[in-house]
Protein backbone atom coordinates (compact mmCIF):
# COMPACT_ATOMS: atom_id res chain seq x y z
CA MET A 1 117.80 81.77 126.59
CA LEU A 2 114.18 82.13 125.04
CA GLU A 3 114.14 82.37 121.42
CA LEU A 4 112.10 85.69 121.21
CA ASP A 5 112.13 86.21 117.83
CA ASP A 6 110.03 82.96 117.46
CA ILE A 7 107.40 83.08 120.23
CA GLN A 8 104.14 85.20 119.34
CA GLY A 9 104.49 88.27 121.28
CA LEU A 10 101.59 88.28 123.01
CA THR A 11 102.94 85.35 125.03
CA VAL A 12 105.77 87.52 127.16
CA ARG A 13 104.67 90.64 126.89
CA GLY A 14 101.46 93.02 126.73
CA TYR A 15 101.13 95.21 123.73
CA ASN A 16 99.66 98.53 125.72
CA LEU A 17 97.77 98.98 122.49
CA PRO A 18 94.51 100.52 123.26
CA VAL A 19 92.17 98.92 120.55
CA GLY A 20 91.78 95.70 118.89
CA ARG A 21 89.85 93.28 116.70
CA TYR A 22 89.09 89.59 117.34
CA ILE A 23 87.95 87.72 114.08
CA PHE A 24 87.25 84.12 114.19
CA LEU A 25 87.59 81.93 111.18
CA GLN A 26 86.47 79.07 109.78
CA ILE A 27 88.57 77.19 107.15
CA THR A 28 87.14 76.07 104.10
CA ASP A 29 89.71 75.01 101.97
CA ALA A 30 92.95 73.87 103.61
CA GLY A 31 95.28 74.45 100.71
CA LYS A 32 94.03 78.06 100.52
CA ALA A 33 94.22 78.67 103.94
CA GLN A 34 97.94 77.88 103.89
CA GLN A 35 98.61 80.24 101.27
CA TRP A 36 97.40 83.06 103.59
CA LEU A 37 99.11 81.99 106.13
CA ALA A 38 102.16 82.15 104.34
CA GLN A 39 101.29 85.18 102.85
CA ILE A 40 100.91 86.79 106.38
CA ALA A 41 103.71 84.92 108.58
CA ALA A 42 106.00 88.05 108.08
CA GLU A 43 103.67 89.86 109.71
CA ILE A 44 102.79 88.20 112.95
CA THR A 45 104.43 90.08 115.74
CA ASN A 46 107.29 88.17 118.16
CA ALA A 47 108.33 88.79 121.57
CA THR A 48 111.62 90.64 120.31
CA PRO A 49 111.86 93.87 122.89
CA ARG A 50 111.84 97.01 120.80
CA PRO A 51 112.67 100.36 122.06
CA ASP A 52 109.59 102.50 121.07
CA LYS A 53 105.69 100.97 121.15
CA LEU A 54 105.00 99.37 117.50
CA PRO A 55 101.82 100.97 115.77
CA ALA A 56 100.26 97.57 115.37
CA CYS A 57 100.49 93.77 116.14
CA VAL A 58 99.34 90.97 114.51
CA ASN A 59 98.89 87.45 115.97
CA VAL A 60 97.12 83.97 115.07
CA ALA A 61 95.99 80.82 116.70
CA PHE A 62 93.71 77.73 115.95
CA SER A 63 91.77 75.24 117.90
CA TYR A 64 92.24 71.84 117.42
CA ASN A 65 89.80 71.74 114.48
CA GLY A 66 91.31 74.44 113.03
CA LEU A 67 94.35 72.21 113.05
CA ARG A 68 92.88 69.10 111.63
CA ALA A 69 90.96 71.36 108.85
CA LEU A 70 94.50 72.36 108.13
CA GLY A 71 95.69 69.23 107.50
CA LEU A 72 97.91 68.27 110.21
CA PRO A 73 98.31 64.09 109.84
CA GLN A 74 96.22 62.74 112.93
CA PRO A 75 99.68 61.16 114.91
CA SER A 76 100.78 65.01 115.54
CA LEU A 77 97.34 65.89 116.26
CA ASP A 78 97.46 63.44 118.88
CA THR A 79 100.56 64.64 120.55
CA PHE A 80 98.65 67.46 121.46
CA ALA A 81 97.05 67.66 125.03
CA ASP A 82 94.09 65.88 125.89
CA GLU A 83 92.03 68.86 126.92
CA PHE A 84 92.87 70.89 123.97
CA ARG A 85 92.05 67.90 121.69
CA GLN A 86 88.39 67.69 123.48
CA GLY A 87 87.66 71.43 123.75
CA ILE A 88 86.07 73.55 125.93
CA VAL A 89 82.77 72.45 125.16
CA GLN A 90 83.52 69.20 126.35
CA ARG A 91 84.66 70.56 129.66
CA ALA A 92 82.15 73.61 130.19
CA GLU A 93 80.62 71.48 133.22
CA MET A 94 83.90 70.84 134.89
CA LEU A 95 84.75 75.01 134.40
CA GLY A 96 81.58 76.25 135.37
CA ASP A 97 79.90 77.06 132.19
CA THR A 98 76.67 75.73 133.37
CA GLY A 99 73.09 77.55 133.16
CA SER A 100 73.10 80.92 131.27
CA SER A 101 77.03 80.41 130.19
CA SER A 102 76.08 76.46 129.34
CA PRO A 103 77.45 76.37 125.32
CA GLU A 104 74.34 75.86 124.05
CA HIS A 105 74.09 80.07 124.65
CA TRP A 106 77.10 81.20 122.90
CA GLU A 107 77.17 83.49 120.55
CA GLY A 108 79.41 84.29 117.51
CA GLY A 109 79.96 80.62 116.28
CA PHE A 110 81.62 79.31 119.86
CA GLY A 111 80.38 76.02 120.86
CA THR A 112 80.66 74.45 117.74
CA GLU A 113 83.53 72.65 115.49
CA GLN A 114 83.62 75.39 113.01
CA MET A 115 85.47 77.65 115.15
CA HIS A 116 89.30 77.11 113.68
CA VAL A 117 90.91 80.63 113.76
CA MET A 118 91.05 83.13 116.41
CA PHE A 119 93.13 86.10 114.07
CA MET A 120 93.93 89.07 116.67
CA LEU A 121 94.41 92.47 115.48
CA PHE A 122 95.72 95.20 117.90
CA ALA A 123 96.52 99.24 117.25
CA GLN A 124 97.05 102.58 118.47
CA ASP A 125 93.12 104.35 117.85
CA LEU A 126 90.44 102.99 116.09
CA GLY A 127 91.19 104.15 112.56
CA SER A 128 94.76 102.50 112.79
CA LEU A 129 92.72 99.37 113.14
CA GLU A 130 90.18 99.88 110.65
CA ALA A 131 92.72 100.21 108.13
CA LEU A 132 94.30 97.23 109.58
CA SER A 133 91.66 95.06 109.38
CA SER A 134 90.35 96.17 105.93
CA ARG A 135 93.92 95.10 104.58
CA HIS A 136 93.61 91.60 106.67
CA ARG A 137 90.01 91.36 105.66
CA ALA A 138 90.83 91.75 101.96
CA LEU A 139 93.99 89.18 102.23
CA LEU A 140 91.55 86.66 103.86
CA GLU A 141 88.89 87.27 100.86
CA GLN A 142 91.66 86.87 97.95
CA SER A 143 92.60 83.66 99.62
CA GLY A 144 89.23 82.02 99.54
CA GLY A 145 90.54 79.28 102.32
CA THR A 146 88.37 80.74 105.16
CA SER A 147 84.74 81.97 106.04
CA GLU A 148 84.19 84.52 108.71
CA LEU A 149 82.63 83.37 111.32
CA SER A 150 82.38 86.40 114.14
CA PHE A 151 84.57 89.38 115.07
CA GLN A 152 85.17 90.97 118.42
CA ASP A 153 85.90 94.97 118.72
CA VAL A 154 87.70 95.23 122.09
CA GLN A 155 88.77 98.85 123.76
CA ALA A 156 90.49 99.87 126.57
CA LEU A 157 88.21 102.14 128.93
CA PRO A 158 89.05 105.54 130.28
CA GLY A 159 91.14 105.19 133.55
CA ILE A 160 92.28 102.07 132.68
CA LYS A 161 89.14 100.16 134.19
CA GLU A 162 87.02 97.55 133.50
CA HIS A 163 83.20 97.61 133.30
CA PHE A 164 82.97 97.03 137.10
CA GLY A 165 84.89 100.53 137.49
CA TYR A 166 88.04 98.31 138.95
CA ARG A 167 91.60 99.57 138.43
CA ASP A 168 92.42 97.13 135.12
CA GLY A 169 95.87 95.68 134.11
CA ILE A 170 97.82 95.94 137.61
CA SER A 171 99.65 92.59 137.92
CA ARG A 172 101.67 90.76 135.67
CA VAL A 173 103.86 87.38 135.41
CA LEU A 174 107.67 88.38 134.67
CA ILE A 175 108.79 85.26 132.67
CA GLU A 176 112.34 84.45 132.49
CA GLY A 177 114.27 84.98 129.32
CA SER A 178 111.65 87.68 128.60
CA GLN A 179 114.22 90.83 128.91
CA GLN A 180 111.86 92.52 130.68
CA GLU A 181 112.77 94.77 133.93
CA PRO A 182 111.70 93.49 137.33
CA MET A 183 109.73 95.04 139.75
CA PRO A 184 111.88 94.55 142.76
CA HIS A 185 109.33 92.08 144.37
CA GLU A 186 109.07 90.46 141.04
CA VAL A 187 110.67 87.14 140.76
CA ALA A 188 110.91 85.27 137.44
CA ILE A 189 108.71 82.41 136.55
CA LYS A 190 110.49 79.51 134.55
CA PRO A 191 109.24 79.87 130.79
CA GLY A 192 108.13 76.21 130.46
CA GLU A 193 105.24 77.15 132.90
CA PHE A 194 104.00 79.19 129.24
CA VAL A 195 105.77 78.81 126.49
CA LEU A 196 106.17 74.94 125.09
CA GLY A 197 109.84 73.51 124.84
CA TYR A 198 111.14 74.75 127.86
CA PRO A 199 112.00 73.79 131.67
CA ASP A 200 109.09 74.46 134.00
CA GLN A 201 109.57 75.58 137.83
CA LEU A 202 110.12 71.82 138.91
CA GLY A 203 113.47 71.71 136.23
CA ASP A 204 111.06 69.54 133.70
CA MET A 205 110.89 69.58 130.11
CA PRO A 206 107.11 68.90 129.62
CA PRO A 207 106.02 66.73 126.67
CA PHE A 208 104.42 69.15 123.41
CA PRO A 209 103.14 68.71 120.34
CA GLN A 210 105.47 66.67 117.68
CA PRO A 211 107.30 67.25 115.61
CA GLU A 212 109.88 69.78 117.60
CA MET A 213 108.87 72.19 114.93
CA LEU A 214 105.02 72.03 115.15
CA GLY A 215 105.33 72.49 119.30
CA ARG A 216 108.57 74.59 120.00
CA ASN A 217 107.74 77.79 121.14
CA GLY A 218 103.97 77.27 121.36
CA SER A 219 101.26 78.17 123.61
CA TYR A 220 98.10 77.21 124.78
CA LEU A 221 95.22 80.43 124.57
CA VAL A 222 92.10 80.60 126.08
CA TYR A 223 89.45 82.61 124.81
CA ARG A 224 86.21 83.60 126.96
CA LYS A 225 83.86 86.41 126.50
CA LEU A 226 82.61 87.43 129.81
CA HIS A 227 79.62 89.41 130.07
CA GLN A 228 79.28 91.66 133.10
CA ASP A 229 75.85 92.83 134.27
CA VAL A 230 77.22 96.21 135.38
CA ALA A 231 73.00 96.97 136.46
CA ALA A 232 72.90 93.84 138.54
CA PHE A 233 76.59 94.68 140.08
CA ARG A 234 75.89 98.22 141.35
CA ARG A 235 72.53 97.18 142.41
CA PHE A 236 74.15 94.63 144.86
CA LEU A 237 76.41 96.68 146.13
CA HIS A 238 73.69 99.62 147.22
CA GLU A 239 71.36 97.03 148.14
CA GLN A 240 74.04 95.77 150.92
CA VAL A 241 74.76 99.39 152.57
CA GLY A 242 73.64 102.60 153.28
CA SER A 243 76.26 104.77 151.47
CA ASP A 244 78.19 105.80 149.02
CA GLU A 245 81.70 105.22 150.79
CA GLN A 246 79.77 101.85 152.68
CA VAL A 247 79.10 100.84 148.72
CA GLU A 248 83.28 101.60 147.84
CA TRP A 249 83.97 99.59 150.85
CA ILE A 250 82.00 96.53 149.80
CA ALA A 251 83.53 96.80 146.36
CA ALA A 252 86.87 96.77 147.87
CA LYS A 253 86.01 93.59 149.81
CA LEU A 254 84.41 91.82 146.37
CA MET A 255 87.58 92.00 144.75
CA GLY A 256 90.59 92.53 147.09
CA ARG A 257 91.46 96.31 145.97
CA TRP A 258 89.83 99.30 145.92
CA ARG A 259 88.78 100.80 142.53
CA SER A 260 91.80 102.69 142.38
CA GLY A 261 93.64 99.54 142.80
CA ALA A 262 95.11 100.15 145.98
CA PRO A 263 95.21 96.42 147.63
CA LEU A 264 93.27 95.79 150.88
CA VAL A 265 96.37 94.28 152.77
CA LEU A 266 98.40 97.41 152.27
CA ALA A 267 95.27 99.68 152.44
CA PRO A 268 92.57 98.25 154.89
CA ASN A 269 91.24 101.22 156.29
CA GLY A 270 90.44 103.08 153.56
CA ASP A 271 91.38 103.98 149.66
CA ASP A 272 95.05 105.12 148.63
CA LEU A 273 95.33 107.20 145.44
CA VAL A 274 99.20 107.17 145.59
CA LEU A 275 99.54 103.81 146.56
CA ALA A 276 97.14 103.20 143.55
CA GLU A 277 99.28 104.69 140.87
CA ASP A 278 103.01 103.20 142.55
CA SER A 279 103.62 100.48 140.32
CA GLN A 280 106.28 99.31 142.55
CA ARG A 281 104.40 98.82 145.60
CA ASN A 282 100.77 98.01 144.51
CA ALA A 283 101.59 94.57 143.75
CA ASP A 284 104.01 94.01 147.01
CA PHE A 285 102.19 92.05 149.24
CA ASN A 286 101.68 88.89 150.33
CA TYR A 287 98.59 87.24 152.23
CA ALA A 288 99.91 84.75 154.89
CA ALA A 289 102.64 87.04 156.05
CA MET A 290 100.77 89.86 156.16
CA ASP A 291 96.92 89.06 156.64
CA ALA A 292 96.61 85.65 157.53
CA ARG A 293 93.28 85.66 158.95
CA GLY A 294 91.34 87.88 156.08
CA LEU A 295 90.97 90.96 158.01
CA ALA A 296 92.21 93.38 155.88
CA CYS A 297 91.36 91.16 152.36
CA PRO A 298 88.72 88.72 152.26
CA ILE A 299 90.15 85.08 151.83
CA GLY A 300 87.61 84.65 149.32
CA ALA A 301 87.93 87.90 147.62
CA HIS A 302 88.59 87.70 143.78
CA ILE A 303 92.16 88.75 143.63
CA ARG A 304 93.50 86.56 146.88
CA ARG A 305 91.91 83.77 144.97
CA VAL A 306 93.73 84.00 141.44
CA ASN A 307 96.64 84.55 142.90
CA PRO A 308 96.80 82.99 146.24
CA ARG A 309 100.38 84.26 147.14
CA ASP A 310 102.22 82.83 150.36
CA THR A 311 99.17 80.78 151.39
CA GLN A 312 100.38 78.17 148.78
CA PRO A 313 103.20 76.87 148.75
CA GLU A 314 105.88 78.77 146.57
CA ILE A 315 106.37 75.69 143.71
CA GLU A 316 102.63 75.31 143.97
CA ARG A 317 101.53 78.51 143.51
CA THR A 318 103.37 78.98 140.33
CA ARG A 319 102.29 76.37 138.54
CA HIS A 320 98.93 77.50 138.74
CA LEU A 321 100.25 81.05 137.54
CA LEU A 322 98.68 82.32 134.14
CA VAL A 323 99.34 85.60 131.65
CA ARG A 324 96.54 87.20 131.31
CA ARG A 325 95.88 89.99 128.26
CA GLY A 326 92.39 90.99 126.90
CA LEU A 327 90.59 93.91 127.13
CA PRO A 328 87.12 95.41 127.79
CA TYR A 329 84.78 95.11 125.17
CA GLY A 330 81.28 97.08 124.92
CA PRO A 331 80.47 101.07 125.98
CA PRO A 332 80.80 101.85 129.49
CA LEU A 333 77.66 102.21 131.30
CA PRO A 334 77.41 105.48 133.03
CA GLU A 335 77.11 105.97 136.93
CA GLY A 336 73.52 105.94 138.21
CA ALA A 337 72.11 105.23 134.73
CA PRO A 338 69.30 102.68 134.46
CA ASP A 339 70.49 98.86 132.45
CA ASP A 340 70.49 99.80 128.67
CA GLY A 341 70.78 96.42 127.66
CA ALA A 342 74.08 96.79 125.82
CA ASP A 343 76.44 93.86 125.44
CA ARG A 344 79.69 94.45 127.80
CA GLY A 345 82.36 92.89 129.29
CA VAL A 346 86.00 91.56 129.08
CA ALA A 347 87.41 89.32 126.27
CA GLY A 348 89.80 87.62 128.19
CA VAL A 349 92.95 85.77 126.80
CA LEU A 350 94.70 83.51 128.95
CA VAL A 351 98.08 82.09 128.03
CA ASN A 352 99.74 78.91 129.41
CA ALA A 353 101.53 75.74 128.58
CA SER A 354 98.98 73.13 130.69
CA LEU A 355 95.02 74.09 130.26
CA ALA A 356 94.74 71.27 132.99
CA ARG A 357 96.89 72.21 135.18
CA GLN A 358 96.67 76.68 134.76
CA PHE A 359 93.28 77.47 133.81
CA GLU A 360 91.48 74.84 134.61
CA PHE A 361 92.53 74.20 137.95
CA VAL A 362 92.32 78.18 138.72
CA GLN A 363 88.65 77.85 137.69
CA ARG A 364 88.09 74.66 139.11
CA VAL A 365 89.88 74.74 142.38
CA TRP A 366 90.31 78.28 143.20
CA ILE A 367 87.68 80.23 141.47
CA ASN A 368 84.39 77.82 141.77
CA ASN A 369 85.28 75.82 144.67
CA LYS A 370 82.98 76.96 147.30
CA LYS A 371 85.45 75.67 150.27
CA PHE A 372 88.65 77.60 148.69
CA ASP A 373 91.08 77.88 151.48
CA GLY A 374 88.20 76.78 154.63
CA LEU A 375 85.30 78.81 153.76
CA GLU A 376 82.03 76.92 153.51
CA ASN A 377 79.97 78.59 151.12
CA ASP A 378 82.00 81.08 149.35
CA LYS A 379 82.65 81.19 145.47
CA ASP A 380 84.37 83.95 143.46
CA PRO A 381 82.32 86.74 144.17
CA ILE A 382 83.11 88.29 140.77
CA VAL A 383 83.47 85.86 138.25
CA GLY A 384 82.63 82.56 140.26
CA ASP A 385 79.31 80.49 138.81
CA ASN A 386 76.83 81.77 141.39
CA ASP A 387 73.62 81.01 141.32
CA GLY A 388 72.24 83.08 144.36
CA THR A 389 73.15 80.35 146.73
CA TYR A 390 76.39 81.08 147.87
CA ASP A 391 77.67 83.92 150.09
CA HIS A 392 80.78 86.27 150.45
CA THR A 393 82.53 86.46 154.18
CA ILE A 394 83.85 89.58 155.02
CA GLN A 395 86.11 87.97 157.52
CA ALA A 396 86.33 90.87 160.79
CA TRP A 397 86.52 90.70 164.47
CA PRO A 398 84.91 90.33 166.33
CA VAL A 399 82.03 89.80 164.30
CA ARG A 400 82.49 88.76 160.86
CA LYS A 401 79.97 90.36 158.05
CA ARG A 402 78.22 87.31 155.44
CA LEU A 403 76.96 88.74 152.15
CA HIS A 404 74.01 86.46 151.08
CA GLY A 405 72.74 85.07 147.83
CA LEU A 406 75.32 86.57 145.61
CA PRO A 407 73.98 86.44 142.29
CA ARG A 408 75.71 85.63 138.85
CA PHE A 409 77.31 88.93 137.60
CA VAL A 410 79.54 87.54 134.55
CA THR A 411 78.03 85.33 132.03
CA VAL A 412 80.13 83.51 129.38
CA LYS A 413 78.86 84.15 125.82
CA GLY A 414 81.75 82.12 124.12
CA GLY A 415 85.04 80.49 124.35
CA GLU A 416 87.21 78.01 122.77
CA TYR A 417 91.29 76.45 123.39
CA PHE A 418 93.44 77.79 120.89
CA PHE A 419 97.24 76.87 119.90
CA LEU A 420 99.49 79.92 119.53
CA PRO A 421 102.05 78.61 117.37
CA GLY A 422 105.77 80.02 117.01
CA ILE A 423 106.41 81.42 113.79
CA LYS A 424 108.64 78.68 112.39
CA ALA A 425 105.38 76.52 113.39
CA LEU A 426 102.97 78.72 111.14
CA ARG A 427 105.72 78.66 108.00
CA PHE A 428 105.46 74.57 108.71
CA ILE A 429 101.85 74.38 108.99
CA ALA A 430 101.30 77.01 105.76
CA ALA A 431 103.63 74.17 104.13
CA GLY A 432 101.50 71.66 104.62
CA SER A 433 104.67 69.80 106.49
CA THR A 434 104.05 67.00 107.91
CA THR A 435 107.21 65.90 109.56
């Protein structure tokens, strides 16, 4: 059984709270920072099911350098995964974080060894968020153990969409033992794929940080600030076609869903708003059994890459799944408006038990692999590290269509690998424990 009262809630279930603030901290005094953790430990939101939506949620995670700054002994630090200890900057080239996405261009303290803590606050509305943030910033100031490097406000956009106009938050991962009601098409994934200290899909117990009090019920968290060039995306769509109807067709072929959320596999000939709103059906499809040649959903489309479904052996596919959280940031760009220069995008939060096997594999083998599933020169058309030399192939019969010269629509502006400890582990760290 999952120890839901000891797991930070962000891992197991989405909060569905529309606003949030991520506060990024440097630890300047280990003892005082430990006192702050002890003070807030009781407020950290766990994964226990509740009948009503919580008015606010609080979570906290630490980078490798943050755990070291908190005084964890080196023998414990050495038990964390290699990629976590190296940090995301050392993995940047393999992840495709090059050129304009290179860590040398990152903002807000990202890409430096001073990035120690990600403190996450979520609330029902902006007023509640400001009150929650003010109270916690006061506690941080009183403790005197940290300094604020930066913060990132996030907020759901109207219509539950992201900045390119696609419906957001459709798919989810159901974790066995989470006490969430499954959809008819859902199969629960073993908890060890996302929470440390439990069996994974192979029935194995992967190694986790030691001592057990520190690692059990923890997860690895990836933070990615992804700037979306909305004006460039819209311009590219219109350059490919001659009508608004064709624009929507191209947009759907890039994503694998119509912007309403209706999947192309189930709605190949046109948008279907009823299907889009039906959570029992809009994620109930496969590719190999229903669209093996990609005539409905292109083989290189975004959603087909990040979750290839039955085109991969079941055990293989499930071992690369990620729990995806996060919200958009920045103001929406009105349709038809010129680029206003505002920073907008998605502040992505990804939870997994293995950074290498899950997040890094998806980035390297599925998103940025130009030969994904038999393709020749195609990277993910939405989030891939495109540079104007790659294509997007739209399979068709008798003639396929190939879009040439995809620019980079999404640029990384910050990122880090964090460890999301269990509640008992937080108290363990706060107590300055070493065994």
